[in-house]
Amino acid sequence: MATPPKLPEILVIGGTGAQGKPVVEALANSGRYAVRLLTRNPQSGRAQELSALPNVTLQQGSVTSQEALHAAFRGVYGAWVNIDGFTLGEKNELFYAMRAYEIAISEGVTHYVWANIDYALRKAGWDEKYHYGHGDAKGRVGDFILAQGQNRIKSTLFTTGPYMEMLFDGMFVPQERSDGTIVWANPASNGKIPLISLLDVGEYVLWIFDNIKRSAGMDLEVATDQVSFKDIAEIFTKVTGKPAIHVPLPIDEYMAKAEPYPNAPVNYLGGKNKIDDESNMTWRENFTAWWRYWSEGIAATRDFELLTEIFPGRIKSLEEWMYKVNYQGRPKPVLKNLEDLRSEQSGAEHPSHGH
């Protein structure tokens, strides 16, 4: 009996995170790829869930170990790499992200996909008030990767913005007033924000690996829809029939309510790699710039014609997404770093970080 052909193997770093999980699922369920999932904790619930998928193997290791990175990249065809900048901090992310790319080349990887975020500082014309650490670190690395060309290794940037699912968990969860009105009270301006649904990211990444000749050298900026918070409230009312409004808050008033604790560092969730020098922004500094960049419309540069060509079945609007997930304005867990924090606060064993 003939041995079935060996599937090309894709290393996934950050696969237990909110964005990584659907990437692993899409690659594994396609039947065209095997997945090697790097995880700090193979026994975590998310790692175990993913290991039950076809053609998925777990490899224990951390992105902050160069030895582990060599072992992880060795023998794989491709890689999808998403490093948790919140945990590492801007300076550590730059080092380990660039080392990961260099090590991938040294180990002979053919196709390297970097999970990118808009390089806000560059896109905003180098205006310092738009600099926020976990985005600009990824954007710098993305520029560095593409600048190396496509001769030695093929590379693609997979550039996302805020997740649509953050309406369930994180920065975009609304409050409900006693009269039933759903309220988004935040410092957002009236610009369009490119929101991407996590339900679709796996298909885009699958397309990238399936179409190396076209995707090599590409910065694929993805989004489901580009909407302001006024749009979000209006669409919510249209879908649910419930009254909803956006209440613009002065940044200081918002931060007084949202800041985890006074002068918290942006990577207050970080462990041993936490940086406490001046390279690490405070939570307030980081998210002041974050809200400014995303809500002023600077990032509303997505090419929806291209995205529909790549994935004709994509979710095409916030309205469609709200119907699909039966969105009612109520929170539910999505983001892994917040899930880890909740586990830590409840006294549970701290699982591996993801993003």
Protein backbone atom coordinates (compact mmCIF):
# COMPACT_ATOMS: atom_id res chain seq x y z
CA MET A 1 0.00 0.00 0.00
CA ALA A 2 1.45 3.37 -1.05
CA THR A 3 2.39 5.81 1.69
CA PRO A 4 0.28 8.98 1.40
CA PRO A 5 2.33 12.05 0.44
CA LYS A 6 3.64 14.10 3.33
CA LEU A 7 1.77 17.37 3.76
CA PRO A 8 3.77 20.61 3.78
CA GLU A 9 4.13 21.63 7.41
CA ILE A 10 3.37 25.14 8.65
CA LEU A 11 4.79 26.36 11.94
CA VAL A 12 2.28 28.53 13.78
CA ILE A 13 3.53 30.85 16.53
CA GLY A 14 0.74 32.47 18.53
CA GLY A 15 -1.72 29.78 17.53
CA THR A 16 -3.62 29.65 20.82
CA GLY A 17 -4.47 33.36 20.64
CA ALA A 18 -7.66 34.94 19.33
CA GLN A 19 -6.27 35.40 15.82
CA GLY A 20 -4.10 32.29 15.76
CA LYS A 21 -6.81 29.78 16.64
CA PRO A 22 -8.83 30.27 13.42
CA VAL A 23 -5.57 30.21 11.44
CA VAL A 24 -4.67 26.79 12.86
CA GLU A 25 -8.22 25.55 12.23
CA ALA A 26 -8.25 26.72 8.60
CA LEU A 27 -4.85 25.24 7.78
CA ALA A 28 -5.56 21.93 9.52
CA ASN A 29 -9.08 21.47 8.18
CA SER A 30 -8.02 22.25 4.60
CA GLY A 31 -6.30 18.86 4.37
CA ARG A 32 -3.48 20.57 2.44
CA TYR A 33 -1.17 21.39 5.35
CA ALA A 34 0.12 19.92 8.58
CA VAL A 35 0.47 22.35 11.47
CA ARG A 36 3.26 22.51 14.03
CA LEU A 37 1.98 24.64 16.90
CA LEU A 38 4.56 26.24 19.18
CA THR A 39 3.15 26.62 22.67
CA ARG A 40 4.59 27.33 26.09
CA ASN A 41 2.00 25.10 27.71
CA PRO A 42 0.89 22.03 25.68
CA GLN A 43 -1.53 21.12 28.49
CA SER A 44 -3.54 24.36 28.26
CA GLY A 45 -7.16 24.06 27.21
CA ARG A 46 -6.63 25.92 23.94
CA ALA A 47 -3.56 23.88 22.98
CA GLN A 48 -5.35 20.61 23.72
CA GLU A 49 -8.40 21.70 21.72
CA LEU A 50 -6.25 22.51 18.69
CA SER A 51 -4.19 19.33 18.98
CA ALA A 52 -7.39 17.34 18.44
CA LEU A 53 -7.65 18.74 14.89
CA PRO A 54 -6.31 16.67 11.98
CA ASN A 55 -2.60 17.04 11.21
CA VAL A 56 -1.79 19.27 14.21
CA THR A 57 1.17 18.56 16.46
CA LEU A 58 2.23 20.55 19.52
CA GLN A 59 5.80 21.61 20.13
CA GLN A 60 6.66 23.02 23.53
CA GLY A 61 8.75 26.16 23.50
CA SER A 62 8.76 29.92 23.83
CA VAL A 63 9.34 32.63 21.27
CA THR A 64 11.76 34.16 23.79
CA SER A 65 14.14 31.19 23.42
CA GLN A 66 16.34 31.29 20.34
CA GLU A 67 17.11 27.60 20.80
CA ALA A 68 13.38 26.86 20.80
CA LEU A 69 12.92 28.98 17.67
CA HIS A 70 15.61 27.01 15.81
CA ALA A 71 13.92 23.75 16.79
CA ALA A 72 10.48 25.07 15.84
CA PHE A 73 11.45 26.30 12.35
CA ARG A 74 13.61 23.28 11.53
CA GLY A 75 12.09 21.22 8.72
CA VAL A 76 8.89 23.22 8.12
CA TYR A 77 7.80 24.54 4.74
CA GLY A 78 6.16 27.73 5.98
CA ALA A 79 5.45 29.76 9.09
CA TRP A 80 2.75 32.09 10.39
CA VAL A 81 4.17 34.17 13.21
CA ASN A 82 2.19 36.30 15.65
CA ILE A 83 4.19 37.52 18.64
CA ASP A 84 2.40 38.82 21.72
CA GLY A 85 3.68 42.37 21.97
CA PHE A 86 1.50 43.09 24.98
CA THR A 87 3.36 40.55 27.05
CA LEU A 88 6.85 41.24 25.73
CA GLY A 89 6.76 45.01 25.42
CA GLU A 90 7.85 47.01 22.38
CA LYS A 91 11.62 46.52 22.79
CA ASN A 92 11.54 42.76 23.38
CA GLU A 93 9.07 42.25 20.55
CA LEU A 94 11.42 43.96 18.10
CA PHE A 95 14.31 41.71 19.10
CA TYR A 96 12.49 38.38 19.15
CA ALA A 97 10.44 39.15 16.03
CA MET A 98 13.52 40.00 14.00
CA ARG A 99 15.39 36.99 15.37
CA ALA A 100 12.48 34.72 14.50
CA TYR A 101 12.64 35.88 10.86
CA GLU A 102 16.44 35.48 10.73
CA ILE A 103 16.29 32.03 12.31
CA ALA A 104 13.55 30.97 9.87
CA ILE A 105 15.87 31.86 6.98
CA SER A 106 18.77 29.99 8.57
CA GLU A 107 16.58 26.89 8.92
CA GLY A 108 15.48 26.97 5.27
CA VAL A 109 11.83 28.01 5.60
CA THR A 110 10.26 28.70 2.18
CA HIS A 111 7.33 31.01 3.02
CA TYR A 112 7.21 33.32 6.05
CA VAL A 113 3.96 35.07 6.98
CA TRP A 114 4.21 37.85 9.57
CA ALA A 115 1.03 38.68 11.50
CA ASN A 116 1.29 42.42 11.19
CA ILE A 117 -0.50 45.55 12.43
CA ASP A 118 -0.54 48.96 10.75
CA TYR A 119 2.73 50.83 11.27
CA ALA A 120 0.75 53.71 12.77
CA LEU A 121 3.61 56.15 13.20
CA ARG A 122 4.67 55.84 9.54
CA LYS A 123 1.11 55.87 8.19
CA ALA A 124 0.36 59.00 10.23
CA GLY A 125 3.28 60.89 8.68
CA TRP A 126 5.68 60.30 11.60
CA ASP A 127 3.55 62.38 13.96
CA GLU A 128 4.57 61.21 17.44
CA LYS A 129 1.08 61.51 18.88
CA TYR A 130 0.13 58.39 16.91
CA HIS A 131 2.97 56.21 18.21
CA TYR A 132 1.77 53.21 20.19
CA GLY A 133 4.09 50.38 21.07
CA HIS A 134 2.45 47.08 20.23
CA GLY A 135 1.39 48.29 16.79
CA ASP A 136 4.51 50.16 15.74
CA ALA A 137 6.77 47.29 16.82
CA LYS A 138 4.93 44.93 14.48
CA GLY A 139 4.86 47.52 11.70
CA ARG A 140 8.62 48.13 11.92
CA VAL A 141 9.28 44.39 11.74
CA GLY A 142 6.92 44.09 8.77
CA ASP A 143 8.80 46.82 6.89
CA PHE A 144 12.11 45.13 7.74
CA ILE A 145 10.90 41.75 6.46
CA LEU A 146 9.66 43.06 3.11
CA ALA A 147 12.82 45.16 2.70
CA GLN A 148 14.88 41.94 2.55
CA GLY A 149 13.27 41.03 -0.78
CA GLN A 150 11.98 37.69 -1.98
CA ASN A 151 15.11 35.92 -3.21
CA ARG A 152 16.18 33.96 -0.15
CA ILE A 153 12.75 33.44 1.43
CA LYS A 154 9.23 34.34 0.34
CA SER A 155 7.47 36.63 2.80
CA THR A 156 3.98 38.06 3.23
CA LEU A 157 2.52 40.50 5.72
CA PHE A 158 -0.94 39.70 7.04
CA THR A 159 -2.03 43.07 8.41
CA THR A 160 -5.03 43.25 10.70
CA GLY A 161 -6.62 46.03 12.71
CA PRO A 162 -8.94 45.87 15.71
CA TYR A 163 -11.06 42.73 15.83
CA MET A 164 -14.80 42.99 15.29
CA GLU A 165 -15.03 40.54 18.19
CA MET A 166 -13.70 43.26 20.50
CA LEU A 167 -17.37 44.30 20.60
CA PHE A 168 -17.65 41.18 22.81
CA ASP A 169 -14.38 41.52 24.72
CA GLY A 170 -11.83 44.27 25.24
CA MET A 171 -11.90 47.91 24.20
CA PHE A 172 -15.23 47.99 22.35
CA VAL A 173 -17.67 46.40 24.83
CA PRO A 174 -20.66 48.70 25.42
CA GLN A 175 -22.65 49.33 28.59
CA GLU A 176 -26.42 49.04 28.97
CA ARG A 177 -28.32 51.84 30.68
CA SER A 178 -31.25 51.16 32.98
CA ASP A 179 -33.63 52.20 30.19
CA GLY A 180 -32.15 49.53 27.89
CA THR A 181 -30.06 51.90 25.74
CA ILE A 182 -26.75 50.40 24.63
CA VAL A 183 -23.95 52.95 25.07
CA TRP A 184 -20.45 53.07 23.63
CA ALA A 185 -18.73 55.72 25.78
CA ASN A 186 -15.15 56.15 24.61
CA PRO A 187 -12.73 58.72 23.12
CA ALA A 188 -13.20 57.62 19.49
CA SER A 189 -13.28 60.34 16.83
CA ASN A 190 -15.69 60.06 13.91
CA GLY A 191 -13.30 58.39 11.46
CA LYS A 192 -13.75 54.93 9.96
CA ILE A 193 -12.09 52.02 11.79
CA PRO A 194 -11.12 48.90 9.77
CA LEU A 195 -12.59 46.07 11.84
CA ILE A 196 -11.74 42.47 10.94
CA SER A 197 -13.84 39.51 12.05
CA LEU A 198 -11.85 36.63 13.45
CA LEU A 199 -14.27 34.33 11.62
CA ASP A 200 -12.53 35.18 8.32
CA VAL A 201 -8.84 35.44 9.15
CA GLY A 202 -8.16 31.73 8.62
CA GLU A 203 -9.37 31.81 5.02
CA TYR A 204 -7.12 34.74 4.17
CA VAL A 205 -4.07 33.00 5.64
CA LEU A 206 -4.96 29.81 3.80
CA TRP A 207 -5.09 31.82 0.55
CA ILE A 208 -1.65 33.31 1.29
CA PHE A 209 -0.06 29.86 1.61
CA ASP A 210 -2.01 28.45 -1.35
CA ASN A 211 -0.94 31.31 -3.65
CA ILE A 212 2.73 31.93 -2.91
CA LYS A 213 3.49 33.37 -6.35
CA ARG A 214 0.93 36.11 -5.85
CA SER A 215 1.22 36.63 -2.10
CA ALA A 216 5.03 36.80 -1.88
CA GLY A 217 6.03 40.37 -1.16
CA MET A 218 2.44 41.42 -0.45
CA ASP A 219 1.19 43.42 2.51
CA LEU A 220 -2.36 42.07 2.69
CA GLU A 221 -4.35 44.57 4.76
CA VAL A 222 -7.58 42.90 5.81
CA ALA A 223 -10.86 44.17 7.24
CA THR A 224 -14.49 43.13 7.26
CA ASP A 225 -15.88 46.67 7.28
CA GLN A 226 -14.73 50.24 7.96
CA VAL A 227 -17.07 51.97 10.40
CA SER A 228 -17.17 54.79 12.94
CA PHE A 229 -18.68 54.34 16.39
CA LYS A 230 -21.68 56.37 15.24
CA ASP A 231 -22.06 53.76 12.48
CA ILE A 232 -21.69 50.93 14.99
CA ALA A 233 -24.52 52.31 17.15
CA GLU A 234 -26.81 52.87 14.15
CA ILE A 235 -26.13 49.41 12.70
CA PHE A 236 -26.71 47.82 16.10
CA THR A 237 -30.13 49.49 16.35
CA LYS A 238 -30.98 48.42 12.79
CA VAL A 239 -30.08 44.79 13.56
CA THR A 240 -31.52 44.45 17.07
CA GLY A 241 -34.16 47.14 17.32
CA LYS A 242 -32.56 48.30 20.58
CA PRO A 243 -31.67 51.98 21.10
CA ALA A 244 -27.92 52.65 20.97
CA ILE A 245 -25.65 55.69 21.01
CA HIS A 246 -21.99 56.63 20.94
CA VAL A 247 -21.00 59.07 23.68
CA PRO A 248 -17.62 60.71 22.91
CA LEU A 249 -15.59 61.05 26.10
CA PRO A 250 -12.59 63.32 26.71
CA ILE A 251 -9.52 61.09 26.79
CA ASP A 252 -8.73 61.91 30.44
CA GLU A 253 -12.25 61.03 31.57
CA TYR A 254 -12.10 57.75 29.64
CA MET A 255 -8.65 56.84 30.94
CA ALA A 256 -9.65 57.49 34.54
CA LYS A 257 -12.24 54.71 34.13
CA ALA A 258 -10.36 52.33 31.82
CA GLU A 259 -6.76 52.40 33.12
CA PRO A 260 -5.99 49.12 34.97
CA TYR A 261 -4.26 51.03 37.76
CA PRO A 262 -2.46 54.41 37.93
CA ASN A 263 0.70 54.49 35.79
CA ALA A 264 0.24 50.86 34.73
CA PRO A 265 2.72 49.80 32.04
CA VAL A 266 1.11 48.74 28.77
CA ASN A 267 2.46 45.22 29.28
CA TYR A 268 1.24 44.97 32.87
CA LEU A 269 0.23 41.40 31.94
CA GLY A 270 3.86 40.54 31.17
CA GLY A 271 5.94 38.03 33.05
CA LYS A 272 9.71 37.70 33.27
CA ASN A 273 10.24 39.57 30.00
CA LYS A 274 8.52 42.70 31.23
CA ILE A 275 10.56 45.83 30.58
CA ASP A 276 10.43 48.68 33.05
CA ASP A 277 12.76 51.11 31.32
CA GLU A 278 11.73 54.17 29.32
CA SER A 279 11.14 52.12 26.15
CA ASN A 280 7.96 50.75 27.70
CA MET A 281 4.93 53.02 27.39
CA THR A 282 2.33 53.38 30.08
CA TRP A 283 -1.09 51.90 29.41
CA ARG A 284 -2.46 55.44 29.22
CA GLU A 285 0.16 56.66 26.72
CA ASN A 286 -0.25 53.60 24.53
CA PHE A 287 -4.03 53.61 24.34
CA THR A 288 -4.33 57.36 24.00
CA ALA A 289 -2.37 57.02 20.74
CA TRP A 290 -4.21 53.78 19.86
CA TRP A 291 -7.64 55.42 20.05
CA ARG A 292 -6.36 58.45 18.16
CA TYR A 293 -4.86 56.44 15.28
CA TRP A 294 -7.66 53.96 14.72
CA SER A 295 -10.62 56.32 15.16
CA GLU A 296 -9.43 59.21 13.00
CA GLY A 297 -9.72 57.21 9.79
CA ILE A 298 -5.99 57.08 9.00
CA ALA A 299 -6.13 53.28 8.79
CA ALA A 300 -9.18 53.13 6.50
CA THR A 301 -7.06 52.01 3.55
CA ARG A 302 -8.35 48.48 2.97
CA ASP A 303 -9.02 47.32 -0.60
CA PHE A 304 -12.36 45.53 -0.34
CA GLU A 305 -12.46 44.65 -4.03
CA LEU A 306 -9.21 42.70 -3.58
CA LEU A 307 -10.43 41.08 -0.36
CA THR A 308 -13.63 39.89 -2.05
CA GLU A 309 -11.62 38.51 -4.96
CA ILE A 310 -9.41 36.59 -2.54
CA PHE A 311 -12.29 35.36 -0.37
CA PRO A 312 -15.68 35.71 -2.11
CA GLY A 313 -17.45 34.20 0.90
CA ARG A 314 -16.07 36.73 3.36
CA ILE A 315 -18.34 38.57 5.79
CA LYS A 316 -18.86 41.87 3.97
CA SER A 317 -20.26 44.22 6.60
CA LEU A 318 -20.68 44.84 10.30
CA GLU A 319 -24.41 44.35 9.83
CA GLU A 320 -23.87 40.89 8.33
CA TRP A 321 -21.50 40.00 11.19
CA MET A 322 -24.00 41.12 13.86
CA TYR A 323 -26.67 38.91 12.32
CA LYS A 324 -24.25 36.00 11.97
CA VAL A 325 -23.11 36.02 15.63
CA ASN A 326 -26.46 37.23 17.02
CA TYR A 327 -24.77 40.25 18.56
CA GLN A 328 -26.80 41.78 21.40
CA GLY A 329 -24.20 44.03 23.01
CA ARG A 330 -23.37 41.58 25.78
CA PRO A 331 -19.78 40.62 26.65
CA LYS A 332 -18.21 37.18 26.25
CA PRO A 333 -14.55 36.04 26.39
CA VAL A 334 -12.54 36.28 23.14
CA LEU A 335 -9.08 37.71 23.80
CA LYS A 336 -6.52 35.33 25.22
CA ASN A 337 -4.49 37.83 27.24
CA LEU A 338 -7.67 38.91 29.04
CA GLU A 339 -8.63 35.27 29.51
CA ASP A 340 -5.23 34.63 31.07
CA LEU A 341 -5.67 37.62 33.37
CA ARG A 342 -9.10 36.37 34.48
CA SER A 343 -7.62 32.93 35.19
CA GLU A 344 -4.78 34.50 37.16
CA GLN A 345 -7.17 36.64 39.19
CA SER A 346 -9.35 33.62 39.97
CA GLY A 347 -6.31 31.76 41.32
CA ALA A 348 -6.12 29.33 38.43
CA GLU A 349 -2.78 28.23 37.01
CA HIS A 350 -1.55 30.81 34.51
CA PRO A 351 -1.68 29.35 30.97
CA SER A 352 0.66 30.24 28.15
CA HIS A 353 0.35 33.67 26.59
CA GLY A 354 -1.05 34.15 23.12
CA HIS A 355 -2.31 37.04 21.09
